[in-house]
Amino acid sequence: MTPGDLELFSTDELIDELMSRSTFQGVVVHSRDEAKNRDWIGERIFNLRHNANLGLEEAGRLLEVIRQHIATER
């Protein structure tokens, strides 16, 4: 697959593919509405997805570690 091939798929299709992989253990945070540029106007709503390879509590702990990491980088 070349980088250009990814342009043929929607964000939802790419996330669905990732979620279906048995090797994926993590979370995906993505904008609810497809963002076409980096600039934000107003508020943006995000969705969070994890697959069966990572339980709800594990996903929560992972997000807490990420939150702490982001907070220490300031």
N, C-alpha and C. Protein backbone atom coordinates (compact mmCIF):
# COMPACT_ATOMS: atom_id res chain seq x y z
N MET A 1 0.85 -1.18 0.00
CA MET A 1 0.00 0.00 0.00
C MET A 1 0.88 1.24 0.00
N THR A 2 0.59 2.14 -0.86
CA THR A 2 1.33 3.40 -0.91
C THR A 2 0.55 4.47 -0.14
N PRO A 3 1.21 5.54 0.30
CA PRO A 3 0.49 6.59 1.03
C PRO A 3 -0.72 7.12 0.25
N GLY A 4 -0.64 7.18 -1.05
CA GLY A 4 -1.75 7.66 -1.85
C GLY A 4 -2.97 6.76 -1.76
N ASP A 5 -2.75 5.46 -1.50
CA ASP A 5 -3.87 4.53 -1.37
C ASP A 5 -4.78 4.89 -0.21
N LEU A 6 -4.24 5.47 0.84
CA LEU A 6 -5.04 5.83 2.01
C LEU A 6 -6.09 6.87 1.67
N GLU A 7 -5.83 7.69 0.68
CA GLU A 7 -6.77 8.73 0.29
C GLU A 7 -8.07 8.15 -0.26
N LEU A 8 -8.06 6.88 -0.62
CA LEU A 8 -9.24 6.24 -1.19
C LEU A 8 -10.25 5.81 -0.13
N PHE A 9 -9.87 5.91 1.15
CA PHE A 9 -10.71 5.44 2.23
C PHE A 9 -11.13 6.60 3.12
N SER A 10 -12.32 6.47 3.69
CA SER A 10 -12.79 7.48 4.64
C SER A 10 -12.12 7.24 5.99
N THR A 11 -12.19 8.24 6.85
CA THR A 11 -11.64 8.11 8.19
C THR A 11 -12.30 6.94 8.92
N ASP A 12 -13.62 6.82 8.82
CA ASP A 12 -14.33 5.73 9.49
C ASP A 12 -13.86 4.37 8.99
N GLU A 13 -13.63 4.24 7.69
CA GLU A 13 -13.16 2.96 7.14
C GLU A 13 -11.77 2.62 7.67
N LEU A 14 -10.90 3.61 7.77
CA LEU A 14 -9.56 3.37 8.28
C LEU A 14 -9.59 2.98 9.75
N ILE A 15 -10.42 3.66 10.54
CA ILE A 15 -10.54 3.33 11.96
C ILE A 15 -11.15 1.94 12.12
N ASP A 16 -12.17 1.60 11.33
CA ASP A 16 -12.77 0.26 11.40
C ASP A 16 -11.73 -0.81 11.10
N GLU A 17 -10.87 -0.57 10.12
CA GLU A 17 -9.82 -1.53 9.79
C GLU A 17 -8.86 -1.71 10.96
N LEU A 18 -8.46 -0.62 11.57
CA LEU A 18 -7.56 -0.68 12.71
C LEU A 18 -8.21 -1.43 13.87
N MET A 19 -9.48 -1.13 14.15
CA MET A 19 -10.19 -1.78 15.25
C MET A 19 -10.34 -3.29 15.03
N SER A 20 -10.37 -3.72 13.79
CA SER A 20 -10.56 -5.15 13.50
C SER A 20 -9.28 -5.96 13.65
N ARG A 21 -8.14 -5.30 13.78
CA ARG A 21 -6.86 -6.01 13.86
C ARG A 21 -6.61 -6.53 15.26
N SER A 22 -6.29 -7.81 15.34
CA SER A 22 -6.04 -8.43 16.64
C SER A 22 -4.78 -7.90 17.30
N THR A 23 -3.89 -7.30 16.53
CA THR A 23 -2.65 -6.77 17.09
C THR A 23 -2.79 -5.37 17.66
N PHE A 24 -3.92 -4.71 17.42
CA PHE A 24 -4.11 -3.34 17.91
C PHE A 24 -4.58 -3.36 19.35
N GLN A 25 -3.83 -2.68 20.22
CA GLN A 25 -4.22 -2.50 21.61
C GLN A 25 -4.03 -1.04 21.93
N GLY A 26 -5.08 -0.29 21.89
CA GLY A 26 -4.98 1.13 22.14
C GLY A 26 -6.31 1.81 21.94
N VAL A 27 -6.26 3.10 21.83
CA VAL A 27 -7.46 3.88 21.63
C VAL A 27 -7.25 4.80 20.43
N VAL A 28 -8.35 5.19 19.82
CA VAL A 28 -8.32 6.15 18.73
C VAL A 28 -9.23 7.30 19.14
N VAL A 29 -8.68 8.49 19.15
CA VAL A 29 -9.46 9.69 19.42
C VAL A 29 -9.51 10.46 18.11
N HIS A 30 -10.72 10.74 17.65
CA HIS A 30 -10.85 11.41 16.37
C HIS A 30 -12.00 12.40 16.40
N SER A 31 -11.88 13.40 15.55
CA SER A 31 -12.93 14.41 15.45
C SER A 31 -14.20 13.76 14.92
N ARG A 32 -15.33 14.09 15.52
CA ARG A 32 -16.60 13.53 15.08
C ARG A 32 -16.87 13.91 13.63
N ASP A 33 -16.61 15.14 13.30
CA ASP A 33 -16.78 15.62 11.93
C ASP A 33 -15.41 15.64 11.27
N GLU A 34 -15.35 15.22 10.04
CA GLU A 34 -14.07 15.20 9.34
C GLU A 34 -13.50 16.61 9.28
N ALA A 35 -12.27 16.74 9.72
CA ALA A 35 -11.60 18.04 9.71
C ALA A 35 -10.74 18.12 8.46
N LYS A 36 -10.97 19.12 7.69
CA LYS A 36 -10.23 19.29 6.44
C LYS A 36 -8.98 20.14 6.60
N ASN A 37 -8.87 20.84 7.74
CA ASN A 37 -7.67 21.64 7.97
C ASN A 37 -7.36 21.65 9.46
N ARG A 38 -6.22 22.21 9.80
CA ARG A 38 -5.76 22.21 11.19
C ARG A 38 -6.41 23.31 12.02
N ASP A 39 -6.97 24.31 11.38
CA ASP A 39 -7.56 25.44 12.10
C ASP A 39 -8.91 25.05 12.69
N TRP A 40 -9.13 25.42 13.92
CA TRP A 40 -10.40 25.15 14.59
C TRP A 40 -11.23 26.42 14.61
N ILE A 41 -12.49 26.29 14.29
CA ILE A 41 -13.43 27.39 14.42
C ILE A 41 -14.49 26.90 15.40
N GLY A 42 -14.58 27.56 16.55
CA GLY A 42 -15.53 27.12 17.56
C GLY A 42 -15.04 25.87 18.27
N GLU A 43 -15.98 25.05 18.71
CA GLU A 43 -15.64 23.83 19.43
C GLU A 43 -15.64 22.64 18.49
N ARG A 44 -14.84 21.65 18.83
CA ARG A 44 -14.80 20.42 18.06
C ARG A 44 -15.16 19.27 19.00
N ILE A 45 -15.99 18.37 18.54
CA ILE A 45 -16.42 17.21 19.32
C ILE A 45 -15.60 16.00 18.87
N PHE A 46 -15.11 15.23 19.85
CA PHE A 46 -14.28 14.09 19.55
C PHE A 46 -14.97 12.79 19.95
N ASN A 47 -14.65 11.73 19.24
CA ASN A 47 -15.10 10.39 19.56
C ASN A 47 -13.89 9.58 20.02
N LEU A 48 -14.14 8.62 20.87
CA LEU A 48 -13.10 7.73 21.37
C LEU A 48 -13.52 6.31 21.06
N ARG A 49 -12.60 5.53 20.48
CA ARG A 49 -12.91 4.13 20.17
C ARG A 49 -11.79 3.24 20.66
N HIS A 50 -12.18 2.07 21.16
CA HIS A 50 -11.22 1.02 21.50
C HIS A 50 -11.87 -0.29 21.13
N ASN A 51 -11.04 -1.30 20.86
CA ASN A 51 -11.62 -2.58 20.47
C ASN A 51 -11.59 -3.56 21.64
N ALA A 52 -12.01 -4.78 21.41
CA ALA A 52 -12.12 -5.78 22.47
C ALA A 52 -10.76 -6.19 23.03
N ASN A 53 -9.68 -5.85 22.36
CA ASN A 53 -8.35 -6.19 22.85
C ASN A 53 -7.94 -5.35 24.05
N LEU A 54 -8.70 -4.30 24.32
CA LEU A 54 -8.43 -3.40 25.43
C LEU A 54 -9.75 -3.10 26.12
N GLY A 55 -9.87 -3.53 27.37
CA GLY A 55 -11.10 -3.33 28.11
C GLY A 55 -11.33 -1.86 28.45
N LEU A 56 -12.52 -1.55 28.90
CA LEU A 56 -12.89 -0.17 29.21
C LEU A 56 -11.99 0.42 30.30
N GLU A 57 -11.74 -0.35 31.36
CA GLU A 57 -10.88 0.15 32.43
C GLU A 57 -9.45 0.34 31.94
N GLU A 58 -8.96 -0.58 31.11
CA GLU A 58 -7.62 -0.45 30.56
C GLU A 58 -7.52 0.78 29.66
N ALA A 59 -8.53 1.01 28.86
CA ALA A 59 -8.55 2.19 27.98
C ALA A 59 -8.54 3.46 28.84
N GLY A 60 -9.29 3.46 29.93
CA GLY A 60 -9.31 4.60 30.84
C GLY A 60 -7.95 4.85 31.46
N ARG A 61 -7.26 3.78 31.88
CA ARG A 61 -5.92 3.94 32.45
C ARG A 61 -4.94 4.47 31.41
N LEU A 62 -5.05 3.96 30.19
CA LEU A 62 -4.18 4.44 29.12
C LEU A 62 -4.38 5.94 28.88
N LEU A 63 -5.63 6.36 28.84
CA LEU A 63 -5.91 7.78 28.63
C LEU A 63 -5.42 8.64 29.80
N GLU A 64 -5.46 8.10 31.00
CA GLU A 64 -4.94 8.83 32.16
C GLU A 64 -3.43 9.02 32.05
N VAL A 65 -2.72 7.99 31.61
CA VAL A 65 -1.27 8.10 31.40
C VAL A 65 -0.97 9.14 30.33
N ILE A 66 -1.76 9.15 29.28
CA ILE A 66 -1.58 10.14 28.21
C ILE A 66 -1.84 11.54 28.75
N ARG A 67 -2.90 11.70 29.56
CA ARG A 67 -3.22 13.01 30.14
C ARG A 67 -2.06 13.51 31.00
N GLN A 68 -1.49 12.61 31.82
CA GLN A 68 -0.37 13.00 32.67
C GLN A 68 0.85 13.39 31.82
N HIS A 69 1.09 12.66 30.77
CA HIS A 69 2.23 12.96 29.89
C HIS A 69 2.06 14.33 29.25
N ILE A 70 0.87 14.61 28.77
CA ILE A 70 0.60 15.91 28.14
C ILE A 70 0.75 17.04 29.17
N ALA A 71 0.29 16.81 30.38
CA ALA A 71 0.34 17.84 31.42
C ALA A 71 1.78 18.16 31.81
N THR A 72 2.68 17.19 31.75
CA THR A 72 4.07 17.43 32.14
C THR A 72 4.87 18.09 31.02
N GLU A 73 4.37 18.08 29.81
CA GLU A 73 5.09 18.69 28.69
C GLU A 73 4.88 20.20 28.63
N ARG A 74 4.02 20.73 29.42
CA ARG A 74 3.75 22.18 29.38
C ARG A 74 4.80 22.95 30.08
